N, C-alpha and C. Protein backbone atom coordinates (compact mmCIF):
# COMPACT_ATOMS: atom_id res chain seq x y z
N MET A 1 26.70 125.91 -60.71
CA MET A 1 25.22 126.03 -61.28
C MET A 1 24.41 127.04 -60.47
N SER A 2 23.46 127.60 -61.03
CA SER A 2 22.76 128.70 -60.42
C SER A 2 21.85 127.98 -59.25
N ASP A 3 21.60 128.67 -58.20
CA ASP A 3 20.63 128.20 -57.11
C ASP A 3 19.16 128.47 -57.50
N ASN A 4 18.95 129.16 -58.43
CA ASN A 4 17.56 129.56 -58.72
C ASN A 4 16.89 128.61 -59.75
N VAL A 5 17.57 127.38 -60.10
CA VAL A 5 16.98 126.46 -60.95
C VAL A 5 16.03 125.54 -60.21
N ILE A 6 14.97 125.18 -60.67
CA ILE A 6 14.07 124.31 -59.93
C ILE A 6 14.49 122.98 -60.32
N LYS A 7 14.57 122.11 -59.41
CA LYS A 7 15.05 120.75 -59.51
C LYS A 7 13.98 119.80 -59.45
N PHE A 8 13.52 119.21 -60.48
CA PHE A 8 12.39 118.32 -60.37
C PHE A 8 12.69 116.96 -59.92
N ARG A 9 12.23 116.60 -58.77
CA ARG A 9 12.56 115.27 -58.16
C ARG A 9 11.31 114.33 -58.16
N LYS A 10 11.31 113.18 -58.17
CA LYS A 10 10.22 112.15 -58.14
C LYS A 10 9.84 111.86 -56.53
N PRO A 11 8.70 112.19 -56.32
CA PRO A 11 8.35 111.98 -54.79
C PRO A 11 8.54 110.65 -54.27
N LYS A 12 8.82 110.44 -52.98
CA LYS A 12 9.08 109.05 -52.49
C LYS A 12 7.77 108.25 -52.43
N PRO A 13 7.76 107.09 -53.03
CA PRO A 13 6.50 106.40 -52.83
C PRO A 13 6.06 106.07 -51.46
N PRO A 14 4.78 106.12 -51.10
CA PRO A 14 4.32 105.77 -49.73
C PRO A 14 4.83 104.43 -49.39
N PRO A 15 5.04 104.11 -48.15
CA PRO A 15 5.34 102.76 -47.72
C PRO A 15 4.25 101.64 -47.89
N LYS A 16 4.56 100.59 -48.44
CA LYS A 16 3.48 99.63 -48.71
C LYS A 16 3.04 98.90 -47.44
N ALA A 17 1.73 98.71 -47.53
CA ALA A 17 1.11 98.03 -46.51
C ALA A 17 1.50 96.54 -46.42
N PRO A 18 1.70 95.66 -45.34
CA PRO A 18 2.07 94.45 -45.49
C PRO A 18 0.93 93.49 -46.05
N ASN A 19 1.26 92.44 -46.71
CA ASN A 19 0.32 91.62 -47.38
C ASN A 19 -0.65 91.05 -46.46
N PRO A 20 -1.97 91.18 -46.44
CA PRO A 20 -3.01 90.65 -45.55
C PRO A 20 -2.85 89.18 -45.64
N LEU A 21 -2.74 88.52 -46.79
CA LEU A 21 -2.79 87.06 -46.87
C LEU A 21 -1.50 86.54 -46.18
N LEU A 22 -0.32 87.19 -46.30
CA LEU A 22 0.80 86.72 -45.47
C LEU A 22 0.64 86.76 -43.98
N ARG A 23 -0.11 87.92 -43.55
CA ARG A 23 -0.26 88.03 -42.11
C ARG A 23 -1.24 86.93 -41.69
N LYS A 24 -2.32 86.62 -42.43
CA LYS A 24 -3.29 85.62 -41.99
C LYS A 24 -2.55 84.24 -41.93
N LEU A 25 -1.59 84.00 -42.92
CA LEU A 25 -0.79 82.74 -42.87
C LEU A 25 0.04 82.68 -41.63
N MET A 26 0.65 83.74 -41.21
CA MET A 26 1.56 83.76 -40.12
C MET A 26 0.73 83.36 -38.84
N ILE A 27 -0.50 83.97 -38.80
CA ILE A 27 -1.28 83.78 -37.57
C ILE A 27 -1.81 82.35 -37.48
N ILE A 28 -2.22 81.81 -38.57
CA ILE A 28 -2.34 80.29 -38.72
C ILE A 28 -1.38 79.46 -38.19
N ALA A 29 -0.14 79.94 -38.91
CA ALA A 29 0.98 79.12 -38.57
C ALA A 29 1.32 79.10 -36.93
N ALA A 30 1.10 80.26 -36.25
CA ALA A 30 1.53 80.45 -34.89
C ALA A 30 0.51 79.58 -34.17
N VAL A 31 -0.88 79.57 -34.40
CA VAL A 31 -1.76 78.77 -33.76
C VAL A 31 -1.48 77.33 -33.80
N ILE A 32 -1.04 76.95 -34.92
CA ILE A 32 -0.62 75.40 -35.32
C ILE A 32 0.47 75.18 -34.27
N VAL A 33 1.36 76.20 -34.32
CA VAL A 33 2.64 75.74 -33.34
C VAL A 33 2.30 75.78 -31.94
N VAL A 34 1.45 76.49 -31.52
CA VAL A 34 0.94 76.58 -30.04
C VAL A 34 0.30 75.17 -29.70
N PHE A 35 -0.65 74.82 -30.59
CA PHE A 35 -1.27 73.49 -30.30
C PHE A 35 -0.32 72.24 -30.45
N ALA A 36 0.76 72.38 -31.36
CA ALA A 36 1.71 71.34 -31.41
C ALA A 36 2.56 71.26 -30.13
N LEU A 37 2.97 72.45 -29.67
CA LEU A 37 3.84 72.56 -28.43
C LEU A 37 2.98 71.98 -27.19
N ALA A 38 1.53 72.28 -27.26
CA ALA A 38 0.98 71.94 -26.13
C ALA A 38 0.65 70.36 -26.13
N TRP A 39 0.53 69.81 -27.32
CA TRP A 39 0.42 68.44 -27.48
C TRP A 39 1.78 67.72 -27.13
N ILE A 40 2.84 68.20 -27.44
CA ILE A 40 4.12 67.68 -27.15
C ILE A 40 4.38 67.67 -25.58
N TYR A 41 4.06 68.79 -24.93
CA TYR A 41 4.02 68.88 -23.50
C TYR A 41 3.22 67.89 -22.86
N VAL A 42 1.95 67.64 -23.33
CA VAL A 42 1.19 66.54 -22.66
C VAL A 42 1.85 65.21 -22.80
N GLN A 43 2.43 65.00 -24.01
CA GLN A 43 2.76 63.68 -24.29
C GLN A 43 4.06 63.42 -23.52
N VAL A 44 4.90 64.42 -23.19
CA VAL A 44 6.08 64.16 -22.47
C VAL A 44 5.81 64.02 -21.04
N THR A 45 4.89 64.94 -20.50
CA THR A 45 4.89 65.02 -18.98
C THR A 45 3.59 64.03 -18.72
N GLY A 46 2.64 63.67 -19.42
CA GLY A 46 1.63 62.91 -19.15
C GLY A 46 0.52 63.62 -18.64
N VAL A 47 -0.78 63.16 -18.68
CA VAL A 47 -1.90 63.85 -18.21
C VAL A 47 -1.90 63.58 -16.67
N PRO A 48 -2.15 64.69 -15.92
CA PRO A 48 -2.27 64.47 -14.47
C PRO A 48 -3.41 63.58 -14.14
N PRO A 49 -3.34 62.73 -13.16
CA PRO A 49 -4.46 61.89 -12.87
C PRO A 49 -5.73 62.81 -12.13
N GLN A 50 -6.84 62.20 -12.35
CA GLN A 50 -7.93 63.07 -11.86
C GLN A 50 -8.54 62.50 -10.64
């Protein structure tokens, strides 16, 4: 084939931004996990006497 033929190609789509709702849910889940781990730690070790 000849090299002077124009090849029409579809441009690559721009990368999609992450879903903001999914990001918000991940942050809320991480906060809940941190509080749960802190609560479990206090239950296992006991509260230090004052």
